[in-house]
Protein backbone atom coordinates (compact mmCIF):
# COMPACT_ATOMS: atom_id res chain seq x y z
CA MET A 1 -5.12 -25.76 -29.00
CA ARG A 2 -4.22 -22.02 -29.96
CA GLY A 3 -7.36 -20.84 -28.19
CA ALA A 4 -6.35 -22.77 -25.03
CA VAL A 5 -2.89 -21.27 -25.10
CA GLY A 6 -4.28 -17.86 -25.85
CA ALA A 7 -6.68 -18.04 -23.00
CA GLU A 8 -3.75 -19.16 -20.73
CA PHE A 9 -1.85 -16.03 -21.66
CA VAL A 10 -4.73 -13.73 -21.14
CA GLN A 11 -5.36 -15.26 -17.68
CA ARG A 12 -1.65 -14.86 -16.82
CA TRP A 13 -1.55 -11.30 -18.04
CA ARG A 14 -4.72 -10.46 -15.98
CA THR A 15 -3.22 -12.16 -13.05
CA ALA A 16 0.05 -10.17 -13.38
CA VAL A 17 -1.83 -6.82 -13.74
CA THR A 18 -4.04 -7.49 -10.72
CA ALA A 19 -1.10 -8.54 -8.52
CA MET A 20 0.81 -5.33 -9.72
CA LEU A 21 -2.27 -3.20 -9.00
CA ARG A 22 -3.05 -4.76 -5.70
CA PRO A 23 -2.17 -2.35 -2.80
CA GLY A 24 0.46 -3.87 -0.45
CA PRO A 25 2.01 -2.81 2.85
CA LEU A 26 3.95 0.43 3.11
CA PRO A 27 7.68 -0.04 2.92
CA ARG A 28 9.82 0.15 6.22
CA PRO A 29 13.04 1.86 5.42
CA SER A 30 16.22 1.01 7.53
CA ARG A 31 17.89 3.46 9.70
CA TRP A 32 20.55 3.83 6.98
CA MET A 33 17.92 4.70 4.41
CA TRP A 34 16.17 7.31 6.78
CA THR A 35 19.81 8.93 7.08
CA ALA A 36 20.42 9.05 3.42
CA ASP A 37 17.12 10.48 2.53
CA ALA A 38 17.47 13.08 5.27
CA ILE A 39 20.94 14.17 3.83
CA LEU A 40 19.59 14.18 0.42
CA ALA A 41 16.59 16.44 1.45
CA VAL A 42 18.72 18.91 3.48
CA VAL A 43 21.20 19.15 0.55
CA LEU A 44 18.64 19.91 -2.07
CA ALA A 45 16.73 22.32 0.39
CA ALA A 46 19.98 24.19 1.03
CA CYS A 47 20.86 24.50 -2.66
CA THR A 48 17.40 25.83 -3.30
CA VAL A 49 17.68 28.45 -0.59
CA VAL A 50 21.15 29.52 -1.80
CA ALA A 51 20.10 29.62 -5.40
CA VAL A 52 17.12 32.02 -4.49
CA ARG A 53 19.36 34.32 -2.49
CA ARG A 54 21.90 34.50 -5.27
CA GLN A 55 19.18 35.03 -7.74
CA SER A 56 18.09 38.13 -5.89
CA GLY A 57 21.63 39.48 -6.10
CA GLY A 58 21.28 41.56 -9.36
CA PRO A 59 21.73 45.33 -9.79
CA ALA A 60 19.50 47.36 -7.49
CA PRO A 61 17.56 50.12 -8.80
CA GLY A 62 19.56 53.40 -9.43
CA GLN A 63 22.92 51.44 -9.55
CA ALA A 64 25.24 52.28 -12.32
CA VAL A 65 25.94 49.69 -15.10
CA LEU A 66 29.33 49.34 -16.72
CA VAL A 67 29.11 48.92 -20.49
CA PRO A 68 32.53 47.64 -21.92
CA PRO A 69 34.65 48.81 -23.42
CA VAL A 70 33.80 52.54 -22.62
CA VAL A 71 33.02 53.27 -18.96
CA LEU A 72 30.03 55.24 -18.85
CA GLN A 73 27.41 55.94 -16.12
CA VAL A 74 24.03 55.55 -17.71
CA PRO A 75 21.19 57.08 -15.74
CA GLN A 76 18.51 54.42 -14.89
CA PRO A 77 14.85 54.99 -15.35
CA PRO A 78 12.86 55.46 -12.10
CA ALA A 79 12.56 52.17 -10.08
CA ALA A 80 9.35 50.26 -10.45
CA PRO A 81 7.36 49.45 -7.35
CA TYR A 82 7.69 45.72 -7.97
CA PRO A 83 10.41 43.71 -9.66
CA PRO A 84 9.89 42.65 -13.32
CA ALA A 85 8.58 39.28 -13.95
CA GLY A 86 11.19 36.53 -13.46
CA LEU A 87 13.20 38.31 -10.84
CA VAL A 88 13.23 38.18 -7.07
CA ARG A 89 13.69 41.21 -5.00
CA GLY A 90 17.19 42.31 -3.70
CA LEU A 91 19.12 40.20 -1.38
CA GLY A 92 18.33 42.35 1.46
CA GLU A 93 14.56 42.17 0.80
CA VAL A 94 14.05 38.39 0.46
CA GLY A 95 11.38 37.67 2.87
CA PRO A 96 11.65 34.66 5.25
CA GLY A 97 8.43 33.16 3.89
CA LEU A 98 10.08 32.63 0.53
CA LEU A 99 13.21 30.95 2.09
CA VAL A 100 10.91 28.73 4.01
CA LEU A 101 9.08 27.85 0.95
CA ALA A 102 12.35 27.10 -0.94
CA ALA A 103 13.36 24.87 1.94
CA LEU A 104 10.09 22.94 1.80
CA THR A 105 10.39 22.16 -1.96
CA ALA A 106 12.79 19.41 -0.90
CA LEU A 107 12.49 18.66 2.71
CA PRO A 108 9.48 16.16 2.06
CA LEU A 109 12.00 13.85 0.46
CA VAL A 110 12.97 12.63 3.96
CA VAL A 111 9.87 10.37 3.88
CA ARG A 112 10.22 9.59 0.23
CA ARG A 113 10.62 5.81 0.97
CA ARG A 114 8.05 5.54 3.84
CA TYR A 115 5.36 7.64 2.38
CA PRO A 116 6.25 8.00 -1.45
CA LEU A 117 2.95 9.22 -2.66
CA THR A 118 2.51 11.87 -0.01
CA ALA A 119 6.25 12.99 -0.45
CA PHE A 120 5.60 13.36 -4.24
CA TRP A 121 2.54 15.42 -3.87
CA ALA A 122 4.17 17.62 -1.23
CA VAL A 123 7.12 18.40 -3.32
CA VAL A 124 4.98 19.00 -6.49
CA VAL A 125 2.52 21.28 -4.89
CA VAL A 126 5.13 23.27 -2.84
CA GLY A 127 7.49 23.33 -5.89
CA LEU A 128 4.65 24.98 -8.04
CA ALA A 129 3.93 27.58 -5.28
CA PHE A 130 7.61 28.56 -5.02
CA ASN A 131 8.30 28.63 -8.76
CA HIS A 132 5.22 30.91 -9.35
CA ARG A 133 6.24 33.29 -6.54
CA ALA A 134 10.04 33.31 -7.51
CA GLY A 135 9.32 33.58 -11.23
CA GLY A 136 11.83 30.86 -12.16
CA GLY A 137 15.67 31.46 -12.17
CA ASN A 138 18.58 29.34 -11.05
CA ALA A 139 16.56 27.74 -8.10
CA THR A 140 14.37 25.99 -10.67
CA VAL A 141 17.15 23.46 -11.32
CA TYR A 142 16.96 22.20 -7.70
CA THR A 143 13.15 22.26 -7.59
CA PHE A 144 13.02 20.05 -10.67
CA LEU A 145 15.59 17.77 -9.32
CA SER A 146 13.37 17.47 -6.10
CA CYS A 147 10.28 16.67 -8.27
CA VAL A 148 12.25 13.93 -10.25
CA MET A 149 13.44 12.35 -7.00
CA ALA A 150 9.97 12.40 -5.69
CA ALA A 151 8.52 10.87 -8.85
CA TYR A 152 11.30 8.20 -8.82
CA SER A 153 10.51 7.36 -5.21
CA ALA A 154 6.80 7.03 -5.99
CA ALA A 155 7.24 4.88 -8.91
CA VAL A 156 9.68 2.42 -7.24
CA HIS A 157 8.65 2.39 -3.43
CA SER A 158 4.91 3.11 -3.43
CA PRO A 159 2.73 0.02 -2.80
CA TYR A 160 -0.33 1.74 -4.35
CA ARG A 161 0.22 1.10 -8.07
CA LEU A 162 -3.01 2.48 -9.38
CA ARG A 163 -2.67 5.60 -7.48
CA THR A 164 0.94 5.96 -8.44
CA LEU A 165 0.05 5.41 -12.16
CA THR A 166 -2.54 8.30 -11.97
CA ALA A 167 -0.59 10.57 -9.78
CA LEU A 168 2.68 10.85 -11.82
CA PRO A 169 0.99 12.00 -15.37
CA ILE A 170 -1.00 14.48 -13.35
CA GLY A 171 2.11 15.93 -11.76
CA ALA A 172 3.96 16.14 -14.88
CA ILE A 173 1.16 18.00 -16.47
CA ALA A 174 0.99 20.38 -13.67
CA LEU A 175 4.82 21.18 -14.19
CA ALA A 176 4.40 21.50 -17.97
CA VAL A 177 1.41 23.93 -17.92
CA ARG A 178 3.95 26.75 -16.87
CA HIS A 179 7.11 25.28 -18.16
CA ASP A 180 8.74 28.60 -18.06
CA GLU A 181 8.74 28.79 -14.23
CA ASN A 182 8.88 25.11 -13.35
CA LEU A 183 11.44 23.66 -15.86
CA PRO A 184 15.17 24.75 -15.85
CA ALA A 185 16.82 25.94 -19.06
CA PHE A 186 18.73 22.94 -20.45
CA THR A 187 22.10 24.21 -21.38
CA SER A 188 24.82 22.15 -22.73
CA GLY A 189 26.47 21.97 -19.33
CA LEU A 190 23.38 20.65 -17.78
CA VAL A 191 22.78 17.69 -20.21
CA PRO A 192 25.67 15.31 -19.02
CA PHE A 193 24.49 15.89 -15.48
CA LEU A 194 20.96 15.03 -16.28
CA ALA A 195 22.08 11.89 -18.39
CA LEU A 196 24.26 10.61 -15.44
CA LEU A 197 21.24 11.19 -13.07
CA GLY A 198 18.98 9.13 -15.36
CA VAL A 199 21.38 6.35 -15.45
CA GLY A 200 21.98 6.24 -11.86
CA LEU A 201 18.07 6.35 -11.14
CA ALA A 202 17.51 3.48 -13.62
CA ALA A 203 20.35 1.45 -12.02
CA ASN A 204 18.80 2.14 -8.67
CA ALA A 205 15.41 1.09 -9.73
CA VAL A 206 16.59 -2.11 -11.29
CA HIS A 207 18.46 -2.72 -7.85
CA ALA A 208 15.40 -1.94 -5.78
CA GLY A 209 13.18 -4.22 -8.05
CA LYS A 210 15.60 -7.07 -7.47
CA GLN A 211 15.52 -6.76 -3.72
CA ARG A 212 11.65 -6.34 -3.84
CA LEU A 213 11.54 -9.58 -5.98
CA SER A 214 13.80 -11.24 -3.45
CA VAL A 215 11.74 -10.16 -0.51
CA LEU A 216 8.54 -11.48 -2.27
CA GLN A 217 10.19 -14.72 -2.98
CA GLU A 218 11.33 -15.17 0.67
CA GLU A 219 7.82 -14.40 1.87
CA HIS A 220 6.34 -16.85 -0.56
CA GLU A 221 8.75 -19.39 0.67
CA ALA A 222 7.91 -18.83 4.25
CA ALA A 223 4.12 -18.95 3.52
CA THR A 224 4.66 -22.21 1.74
CA ARG A 225 6.64 -23.61 4.65
CA ARG A 226 3.90 -22.64 7.03
CA ALA A 227 1.18 -24.15 4.82
CA VAL A 228 3.20 -27.45 4.66
CA ASP A 229 3.62 -27.33 8.47
CA ARG A 230 -0.15 -26.94 9.07
CA GLU A 231 -0.95 -29.59 6.57
CA ARG A 232 1.49 -31.98 8.39
CA ALA A 233 -0.06 -31.12 11.62
CA ARG A 234 -3.56 -31.81 10.29
CA ILE A 235 -2.48 -35.13 8.82
CA ALA A 236 -0.81 -36.08 12.18
CA ARG A 237 -4.00 -35.20 14.02
CA GLU A 238 -6.23 -37.23 11.63
CA LEU A 239 -3.87 -40.25 11.68
CA HIS A 240 -3.70 -39.95 15.48
CA ASP A 241 -7.49 -40.07 15.91
CA VAL A 242 -7.99 -42.89 13.45
CA VAL A 243 -5.02 -45.17 14.48
CA THR A 244 -5.13 -44.72 18.33
CA HIS A 245 -8.76 -45.39 18.69
CA ASN A 246 -8.85 -48.43 16.42
CA VAL A 247 -5.53 -50.02 17.72
CA SER A 248 -6.57 -49.34 21.45
CA VAL A 249 -9.94 -51.36 20.74
CA MET A 250 -8.03 -54.11 18.97
CA VAL A 251 -5.45 -54.50 21.65
CA ILE A 252 -8.23 -54.97 24.17
CA GLN A 253 -10.08 -57.52 22.02
CA ALA A 254 -6.92 -59.34 21.31
CA GLY A 255 -6.05 -59.58 24.99
CA ALA A 256 -9.48 -60.82 25.79
CA ALA A 257 -9.30 -63.53 23.14
CA ARG A 258 -5.91 -64.54 24.66
CA LYS A 259 -7.25 -65.08 28.12
CA VAL A 260 -10.47 -67.17 27.11
CA MET A 261 -8.85 -69.12 24.18
CA ASP A 262 -8.49 -72.23 25.94
CA SER A 263 -11.54 -71.97 28.29
CA ALA A 264 -13.99 -70.38 25.95
CA PRO A 265 -13.02 -70.81 22.36
CA ASP A 266 -16.38 -69.38 21.07
CA ARG A 267 -15.81 -65.98 22.99
CA ALA A 268 -12.22 -65.87 21.82
CA ARG A 269 -13.33 -66.26 18.23
CA GLU A 270 -15.98 -63.48 18.67
CA ALA A 271 -13.07 -61.46 20.13
CA LEU A 272 -10.90 -62.13 17.11
CA LEU A 273 -13.86 -61.21 14.82
CA ALA A 274 -14.01 -57.88 16.48
CA VAL A 275 -10.29 -57.45 16.10
CA GLU A 276 -10.69 -58.13 12.31
CA ALA A 277 -13.72 -55.72 12.15
CA GLY A 278 -11.72 -53.04 13.93
CA GLY A 279 -8.78 -53.50 11.49
CA ARG A 280 -11.00 -53.19 8.61
CA THR A 281 -12.45 -50.09 9.99
CA ALA A 282 -9.10 -48.49 10.69
CA MET A 283 -7.86 -49.40 7.09
CA THR A 284 -11.09 -47.85 5.56
CA GLU A 285 -10.51 -44.54 7.42
CA LEU A 286 -6.80 -44.66 6.56
CA ARG A 287 -7.59 -45.13 2.79
CA HIS A 288 -9.92 -42.12 3.19
CA VAL A 289 -7.17 -40.07 4.65
CA MET A 290 -4.69 -41.23 2.12
CA GLY A 291 -7.38 -40.68 -0.70
CA LEU A 292 -7.83 -36.99 0.15
CA LEU A 293 -3.88 -36.51 0.00
CA ALA A 294 -3.51 -38.34 -3.40
CA MET A 295 -4.52 -35.96 -6.24
CA SER A 296 -4.66 -36.85 -9.66
CA GLY A 297 -2.32 -35.01 -12.06
CA ASP A 298 -4.93 -33.57 -14.42
CA ASP A 299 -7.97 -32.31 -12.50
CA THR A 300 -6.58 -32.08 -9.03
CA GLU A 301 -9.37 -34.03 -7.66
CA PRO A 302 -9.03 -36.77 -5.06
CA ALA A 303 -8.25 -40.12 -6.43
CA ALA A 304 -11.16 -42.39 -7.02
CA ASP A 305 -11.24 -45.49 -4.94
CA PRO A 306 -14.31 -47.70 -4.64
CA ASP A 307 -13.32 -48.77 -1.16
CA LEU A 308 -13.35 -45.16 0.34
CA ALA A 309 -16.21 -44.39 2.62
CA PRO A 310 -17.57 -41.11 3.55
CA GLN A 311 -16.10 -39.24 6.13
CA PRO A 312 -17.33 -40.34 9.57
CA GLY A 313 -19.55 -37.87 11.44
CA LEU A 314 -22.21 -37.71 14.23
CA GLY A 315 -24.27 -40.07 12.24
CA GLN A 316 -21.84 -42.95 12.67
CA LEU A 317 -21.75 -42.55 16.62
CA PRO A 318 -23.98 -45.51 17.10
CA SER A 319 -21.47 -47.88 15.17
CA LEU A 320 -18.77 -46.32 17.18
CA THR A 321 -20.29 -46.93 20.47
CA ASP A 322 -21.55 -50.51 19.34
CA ARG A 323 -17.86 -51.44 18.53
CA LEU A 324 -16.58 -50.28 21.97
CA ARG A 325 -19.60 -52.02 23.69
CA GLU A 326 -18.34 -55.29 22.19
CA THR A 327 -15.13 -54.94 24.02
CA GLY A 328 -16.98 -55.00 27.30
CA VAL A 329 -17.04 -51.24 28.02
CA PRO A 330 -20.58 -50.11 29.18
CA VAL A 331 -21.38 -47.11 26.90
CA GLU A 332 -24.75 -45.07 26.85
CA LEU A 333 -25.37 -42.87 23.97
CA THR A 334 -28.09 -40.18 24.25
CA VAL A 335 -28.91 -37.79 21.38
CA THR A 336 -31.33 -35.09 21.96
CA GLY A 337 -32.85 -32.43 19.52
CA ALA A 338 -33.19 -32.38 15.75
CA PRO A 339 -29.61 -32.82 14.15
CA PRO A 340 -29.00 -29.89 11.83
CA PRO A 341 -26.84 -30.34 8.52
CA LEU A 342 -23.42 -29.82 9.66
CA PRO A 343 -20.47 -28.87 7.31
CA PRO A 344 -18.24 -31.82 6.62
CA GLY A 345 -15.34 -30.53 8.52
CA ALA A 346 -17.41 -29.66 11.62
CA ASP A 347 -19.15 -32.93 11.46
CA LEU A 348 -15.81 -34.92 11.32
CA ALA A 349 -14.57 -32.75 14.19
CA ALA A 350 -17.48 -33.67 16.40
CA TYR A 351 -17.05 -37.39 15.71
CA ARG A 352 -13.45 -36.98 16.56
CA VAL A 353 -14.29 -35.58 19.92
CA VAL A 354 -16.32 -38.61 20.88
CA GLN A 355 -13.65 -40.88 19.26
CA GLU A 356 -10.80 -39.47 21.27
CA ALA A 357 -12.68 -39.36 24.51
CA LEU A 358 -13.69 -43.15 24.23
CA THR A 359 -10.08 -43.82 23.39
CA ASN A 360 -8.90 -42.19 26.61
CA VAL A 361 -11.51 -44.22 28.46
CA VAL A 362 -10.28 -47.50 27.02
CA LYS A 363 -6.52 -46.51 27.73
CA HIS A 364 -6.88 -44.84 31.15
CA ALA A 365 -10.26 -45.88 32.73
CA ALA A 366 -10.58 -49.61 32.72
CA GLY A 367 -13.78 -50.83 34.19
CA ALA A 368 -15.56 -47.43 33.77
CA ARG A 369 -19.08 -46.79 32.64
CA VAL A 370 -19.18 -44.12 29.84
CA ARG A 371 -22.00 -41.73 28.89
CA VAL A 372 -22.08 -40.03 25.54
CA ALA A 373 -24.57 -37.12 25.46
CA VAL A 374 -25.02 -35.16 22.13
CA ASP A 375 -27.45 -32.19 22.39
CA HIS A 376 -28.70 -30.43 19.24
CA VAL A 377 -30.09 -26.78 20.19
CA PRO A 378 -30.56 -23.88 17.86
CA GLY A 379 -27.23 -22.50 16.59
CA VAL A 380 -24.96 -24.92 18.64
CA VAL A 381 -24.24 -28.65 18.91
CA ARG A 382 -22.97 -29.70 22.35
CA ILE A 383 -21.16 -32.93 23.15
CA ALA A 384 -20.19 -34.43 26.47
CA VAL A 385 -18.41 -37.68 27.11
CA SER A 386 -18.08 -38.63 30.67
CA ASP A 387 -16.91 -41.67 32.61
CA THR A 388 -17.18 -42.89 36.21
CA GLY A 389 -13.44 -43.49 36.77
CA GLY A 390 -11.62 -46.85 36.37
CA THR A 391 -8.92 -48.85 37.71
CA SER A 392 -6.01 -48.11 35.44
CA ALA A 393 -3.04 -46.33 37.15
CA ALA A 394 -2.26 -44.25 34.04
CA PRO A 395 -3.75 -40.62 34.62
CA ALA A 396 -5.73 -38.71 32.01
CA GLY A 397 -5.04 -35.18 32.89
CA PRO A 398 -6.61 -32.42 30.84
CA GLY A 399 -4.51 -31.76 27.95
CA GLY A 400 -1.90 -34.36 28.72
CA GLY A 401 -1.97 -36.09 25.32
CA ARG A 402 -1.48 -34.93 21.89
CA GLY A 403 -5.19 -36.04 21.21
CA LEU A 404 -6.82 -33.32 23.16
CA ILE A 405 -4.47 -30.71 21.84
CA GLY A 406 -5.28 -31.67 18.28
CA LEU A 407 -8.99 -31.55 19.18
CA ARG A 408 -8.69 -28.07 20.45
CA GLU A 409 -7.06 -27.19 17.20
CA ARG A 410 -9.43 -28.84 15.12
CA LEU A 411 -12.62 -27.34 16.86
CA ALA A 412 -10.93 -23.88 16.73
CA VAL A 413 -10.96 -23.98 12.95
CA HIS A 414 -14.80 -24.22 13.27
CA GLY A 415 -15.15 -21.63 15.97
CA GLY A 416 -15.74 -24.48 18.62
CA THR A 417 -14.30 -24.98 22.00
CA LEU A 418 -12.99 -27.80 24.11
CA ARG A 419 -12.96 -28.61 27.89
CA ALA A 420 -11.53 -31.51 29.47
CA GLY A 421 -11.00 -32.46 33.26
CA GLU A 422 -11.90 -34.53 36.19
CA ARG A 423 -15.35 -34.40 37.45
CA ALA A 424 -16.33 -33.38 40.96
CA THR A 425 -17.97 -36.88 41.61
CA GLY A 426 -15.06 -38.75 40.00
CA GLY A 427 -14.07 -39.70 36.63
CA PHE A 428 -13.27 -37.60 33.68
CA GLU A 429 -15.34 -35.57 31.27
CA VAL A 430 -14.66 -34.23 27.74
CA SER A 431 -17.18 -31.55 26.57
CA ALA A 432 -17.24 -29.58 23.35
CA VAL A 433 -19.39 -26.82 21.77
CA ILE A 434 -19.59 -26.56 18.07
CA PRO A 435 -21.53 -23.42 16.55
CA VAL A 436 -24.00 -24.17 13.82
CA GLU A 437 -25.15 -21.81 11.23
CA GLU A 438 -28.97 -21.53 11.04
CA PRO A 439 -30.43 -21.95 7.47
CA VAL A 440 -31.76 -18.71 6.06
């Protein structure tokens, strides 16, 4: 018992990890999200540019330095050709390249929700280059904030979980290698701000997680509804094919028995026996359909029933045509070629094509002669059911009933096609082509 519980726990853990690491679609932010991210990126970029300009505003070479409390002018040593490490050149000498680099440390945050990993790497790489060139200073606070926002966006919004789990530690190590340049000095005034920032990011992450969970639940419910609708349509097609054909044949046999009941009791008895046989056939097929739907609670296998017969297929076409022939409809069956092994679904679909076509003949073409041709050729099975036209006033136009529509949908699942229409010489024809995989 414990072993089963442990195995189930391990399986659930593996499933959860696999689902977490499975890549998903990229998020699609709303217009409001785009606007908020653009404002955040512009504000951080402006703060970084202003900070680097202020950082360059120190005493210029040769300028007097006031030392309190005595005002003295101390001569300065000769100016060095380059500023010391950690300082940027004077305000008037800040190059446009450095200002552009300062702005680019935050501007990639505009796409932090749409392309989280790309924005993260762009911010980290540009921030490393800027801090190395600027040598640290006040601007480091804003470049660090940009990296934090980029890392948070990658962790929350990126659908590539494995890449994200790899990228975040690498980015953190890259920033920590030269921490004097890339990390700000954590003064007492900066600690409350960072604490509030962490709380805000954590709260936002929880909210984003709840929203993502809600979206996943809605998608799961929608997928379940679609699956239920498809299953209902499949059951409706199956029941239509089973009930319509057998009931139509039974109605004809019952009508014939009624007409000859007084004059020819023996013929009426034969017709009633045919009605009974058709009813049994219909019940057998209905039990089979219901048996496929009834699942046992433990092993999820179809419920066992000794009365259930195998699914009908092309091998049962002689029985189908014989039953129809007993109703007085002249049916000719021709099978050419060596029948290849068909998958059960495709075999059942082929049988339903013939069954539905014969049902339409019974309903709409009384007195017509019917020809059923099944041609087995390499790679395909061709089925054609044609009649010579009858005396019924009810038309049978192509696709006019639910049966033909259901057949098209059924064949499409197996890559097959269906054509139905009037013949040039009179009558109606239903033809189907079903591809067959050749054995290797």
